[in-house]
C-alpha cells in the first residue's frame, strides 16, 4: 500500500505543482466558462481530461508510443491557448453543443498532456513490468488534484460573479485572456 500512496501523491503533486503550472492553466481554461451550479459538468470535464491523460501516459510508459518531447512541450501550451481562446466565443454554459465540444477538447488535449509527463514517470518506474497499480494511483492523484483546483476556481468564480457582481461573460473574458497570455509565455521561453 505504501507504493500506491507514493504514486497517488506523485499524481497529486504533479497537478498542484506551481513549477509545472501548465496543468493548472489548462484546468482553469477548461472550467473558465462554468459556475458553481455547473459542478457536475465540470467534474465530467476534468474526468475526460484525466482519461485522455491516462491513456497516453500508459501507452508512453509501456513504450507503445514515442513522441518527441520538444513537440509535446510546444503542443501543451497550444492546447491551453486553443481552449482559452475558444472560451471567448462561447455564449452560455448551458448550451449542450458547447458542453459536448468541451468534453472532446478535454479528452483529446488530455492525450497530449499525458505524453508530457510520461518520460518522467517511466524513469521513476524503471524496469518494473507490473505498473498498472502505479499508473492507476498516479492518475487517481491527478484526478483528486484537478478536483481541488476546480473547487478553488469555482469558489473564486462564485465570489467574483455572485458576490461581487461581475458579469459571467466578463469573468470568462478576463480569466481566458490571462490564461492565453501566460500560455503564450510558455511558448516563447
Protein backbone atom coordinates (compact mmCIF):
# COMPACT_ATOMS: atom_id res chain seq x y z
CA UNK A 1 0.00 0.00 0.00
CA UNK A 2 2.99 2.30 0.52
CA UNK A 3 3.82 2.22 -3.20
CA UNK A 4 0.19 3.00 -4.09
CA UNK A 5 0.25 6.01 -1.76
CA UNK A 6 3.59 7.16 -3.23
CA UNK A 7 2.21 7.25 -6.78
CA UNK A 8 -1.07 8.76 -5.62
CA UNK A 9 0.94 11.55 -4.00
CA UNK A 10 3.06 11.95 -7.16
CA UNK A 11 -0.09 12.43 -9.26
CA UNK A 12 -1.47 14.93 -6.77
CA UNK A 13 1.82 16.84 -6.64
CA UNK A 14 2.10 16.78 -10.43
CA UNK A 15 -1.16 18.66 -10.88
CA UNK A 16 -0.71 21.00 -7.91
CA UNK A 17 2.95 21.85 -8.61
CA UNK A 18 3.20 25.56 -9.37
CA UNK A 19 6.52 24.86 -11.10
CA UNK A 20 4.55 22.91 -13.72
CA UNK A 21 1.68 25.35 -13.82
CA UNK A 22 0.74 24.39 -17.38
CA UNK A 23 -1.55 21.71 -16.00
CA UNK A 24 -3.26 24.18 -13.68
CA UNK A 25 -3.66 26.65 -16.56
CA UNK A 26 -5.31 24.01 -18.70
CA UNK A 27 -7.78 23.03 -15.97
CA UNK A 28 -8.61 26.71 -15.39
CA UNK A 29 -9.08 27.23 -19.14
CA UNK A 30 -11.41 24.22 -19.27
CA UNK A 31 -13.53 25.50 -16.41
CA UNK A 32 -13.48 29.26 -17.07
CA UNK A 33 -16.94 29.26 -18.66
CA UNK A 34 -18.62 27.43 -15.78
CA UNK A 35 -20.11 28.46 -12.46
CA UNK A 36 -20.71 26.52 -9.23
CA UNK A 37 -24.15 25.41 -10.45
CA UNK A 38 -22.36 23.55 -13.29
CA UNK A 39 -20.20 21.45 -10.94
CA UNK A 40 -21.37 18.10 -12.39
CA UNK A 41 -20.46 19.20 -15.93
CA UNK A 42 -17.07 20.34 -14.68
CA UNK A 43 -16.45 17.07 -12.84
CA UNK A 44 -17.18 15.11 -16.04
CA UNK A 45 -14.97 17.52 -17.97
CA UNK A 46 -11.90 17.07 -15.77
CA UNK A 47 -12.50 13.32 -15.69
CA UNK A 48 -12.50 13.30 -19.51
CA UNK A 49 -9.15 15.09 -19.35
CA UNK A 50 -7.85 12.50 -16.88
CA UNK A 51 -9.00 9.66 -19.15
CA UNK A 52 -7.11 11.16 -22.10
CA UNK A 53 -4.09 11.86 -19.93
CA UNK A 54 -4.18 8.30 -18.56
CA UNK A 55 -4.36 6.66 -21.99
CA UNK A 56 -1.25 8.29 -23.44
CA UNK A 57 0.58 8.18 -20.12
CA UNK A 58 0.09 4.40 -20.07
CA UNK A 59 0.92 3.94 -23.76
CA UNK A 60 4.08 6.04 -23.50
CA UNK A 61 5.13 4.44 -20.21
CA UNK A 62 4.78 0.98 -21.82
CA UNK A 63 6.83 2.31 -24.79
CA UNK A 64 3.95 1.65 -27.18
CA UNK A 65 4.10 5.21 -28.49
CA UNK A 66 7.05 7.57 -28.58
CA UNK A 67 6.76 11.25 -29.34
CA UNK A 68 9.40 13.95 -29.48
CA UNK A 69 9.34 15.74 -26.11
CA UNK A 70 10.12 19.11 -27.74
CA UNK A 71 7.00 18.76 -29.86
CA UNK A 72 4.92 17.91 -26.77
CA UNK A 73 6.39 20.90 -24.92
CA UNK A 74 5.09 23.09 -27.75
CA UNK A 75 1.72 21.36 -28.05
CA UNK A 76 0.84 21.62 -24.35
CA UNK A 77 0.73 25.45 -24.28
CA UNK A 78 -1.04 25.39 -27.65
CA UNK A 79 -3.81 23.24 -26.14
CA UNK A 80 -4.14 25.78 -23.34
CA UNK A 81 -4.33 28.69 -25.80
CA UNK A 82 -6.88 26.93 -28.03
CA UNK A 83 -9.08 26.05 -25.07
CA UNK A 84 -8.93 29.54 -23.55
CA UNK A 85 -9.41 31.20 -26.95
CA UNK A 86 -12.49 29.08 -27.66
CA UNK A 87 -13.94 30.30 -24.34
CA UNK A 88 -14.00 33.82 -25.71
CA UNK A 89 -16.67 32.81 -28.23
CA UNK A 90 -18.91 30.66 -26.05
CA UNK A 91 -22.22 32.32 -25.32
CA UNK A 92 -23.54 30.21 -22.46
CA UNK A 93 -22.54 27.27 -20.28
CA UNK A 94 -25.99 25.74 -20.71
CA UNK A 95 -25.58 25.17 -24.45
CA UNK A 96 -25.43 21.37 -24.96
CA UNK A 97 -23.19 21.66 -28.03
CA UNK A 98 -20.64 23.77 -26.08
CA UNK A 99 -20.59 21.24 -23.25
CA UNK A 100 -20.06 18.32 -25.63
CA UNK A 101 -17.27 20.11 -27.51
CA UNK A 102 -15.61 20.85 -24.17
CA UNK A 103 -15.61 17.13 -23.34
CA UNK A 104 -13.91 16.40 -26.67
CA UNK A 105 -11.37 19.18 -26.07
CA UNK A 106 -10.65 17.78 -22.63
CA UNK A 107 -10.28 14.19 -23.81
CA UNK A 108 -8.18 14.99 -26.88
CA UNK A 109 -5.96 17.52 -25.15
CA UNK A 110 -5.59 15.13 -22.21
CA UNK A 111 -3.95 12.74 -24.68
CA UNK A 112 -1.31 15.38 -25.44
CA UNK A 113 -0.76 16.33 -21.80
CA UNK A 114 -0.28 12.68 -20.83
CA UNK A 115 2.70 12.48 -23.17
CA UNK A 116 4.31 15.41 -21.38
CA UNK A 117 4.80 13.55 -18.13
CA UNK A 118 5.42 10.04 -19.45
CA UNK A 119 9.21 10.29 -19.67
CA UNK A 120 9.50 11.29 -16.02
CA UNK A 121 7.09 8.59 -14.87
CA UNK A 122 8.90 5.98 -16.96
CA UNK A 123 12.19 6.90 -15.26
CA UNK A 124 10.53 6.53 -11.84
CA UNK A 125 9.15 3.12 -12.68
CA UNK A 126 12.43 1.83 -14.08
CA UNK A 127 12.24 -1.73 -15.37
CA UNK A 128 9.19 -2.65 -13.30
CA UNK A 129 6.89 -4.64 -15.58
CA UNK A 130 3.81 -4.51 -13.38
CA UNK A 131 2.92 -0.83 -13.45
CA UNK A 132 -0.87 -0.92 -13.65
CA UNK A 133 -1.30 -0.20 -9.94
CA UNK A 134 1.22 2.66 -10.07
CA UNK A 135 -0.47 4.20 -13.13
CA UNK A 136 -3.88 3.90 -11.51
CA UNK A 137 -2.62 5.51 -8.29
CA UNK A 138 -0.89 8.32 -10.20
CA UNK A 139 -3.99 9.09 -12.26
CA UNK A 140 -6.20 8.94 -9.19
CA UNK A 141 -3.91 11.51 -7.56
CA UNK A 142 -4.10 13.60 -10.71
CA UNK A 143 -7.91 13.49 -10.63
CA UNK A 144 -8.02 14.48 -6.94
CA UNK A 145 -5.65 17.38 -7.66
CA UNK A 146 -7.80 18.57 -10.55
CA UNK A 147 -10.90 18.45 -8.36
CA UNK A 148 -9.09 20.61 -5.79
CA UNK A 149 -8.17 23.15 -8.48
CA UNK A 150 -11.71 23.13 -9.87
CA UNK A 151 -13.23 23.59 -6.40
CA UNK A 152 -10.94 26.56 -5.69
CA UNK A 153 -11.60 28.08 -9.11
CA UNK A 154 -15.38 27.63 -8.84
CA UNK A 155 -15.24 29.24 -5.39
CA UNK A 156 -13.33 32.19 -6.86
CA UNK A 157 -15.87 32.37 -9.71
CA UNK A 158 -18.73 32.32 -7.21
CA UNK A 159 -17.20 35.17 -5.22
CA UNK A 160 -16.43 37.19 -8.35
CA UNK A 161 -19.69 36.65 -10.24
CA UNK A 162 -22.27 36.14 -7.50
CA UNK A 163 -20.91 38.14 -4.57
CA UNK A 164 -19.04 40.94 -6.36
CA UNK A 165 -21.50 41.11 -9.27
CA UNK A 166 -19.04 40.79 -12.16
CA UNK A 167 -20.86 39.58 -15.27
CA UNK A 168 -20.07 35.95 -16.10
CA UNK A 169 -19.14 36.94 -19.66
CA UNK A 170 -16.61 39.49 -18.36
CA UNK A 171 -15.21 36.99 -15.83
CA UNK A 172 -14.71 34.45 -18.63
CA UNK A 173 -13.06 37.10 -20.81
CA UNK A 174 -10.66 38.14 -18.03
CA UNK A 175 -9.71 34.59 -16.99
CA UNK A 176 -9.36 33.28 -20.53
CA UNK A 177 -7.27 36.28 -21.62
CA UNK A 178 -4.92 35.88 -18.65
CA UNK A 179 -4.55 32.16 -19.40
CA UNK A 180 -3.78 32.91 -23.06
CA UNK A 181 -1.13 35.44 -22.06
CA UNK A 182 0.59 33.05 -19.65
CA UNK A 183 0.44 30.16 -22.15
CA UNK A 184 2.00 32.37 -24.85
CA UNK A 185 4.81 32.99 -22.38
CA UNK A 186 5.35 29.23 -22.15
CA UNK A 187 5.82 29.04 -25.90
CA UNK A 188 8.18 32.00 -26.06
CA UNK A 189 10.53 30.89 -23.27
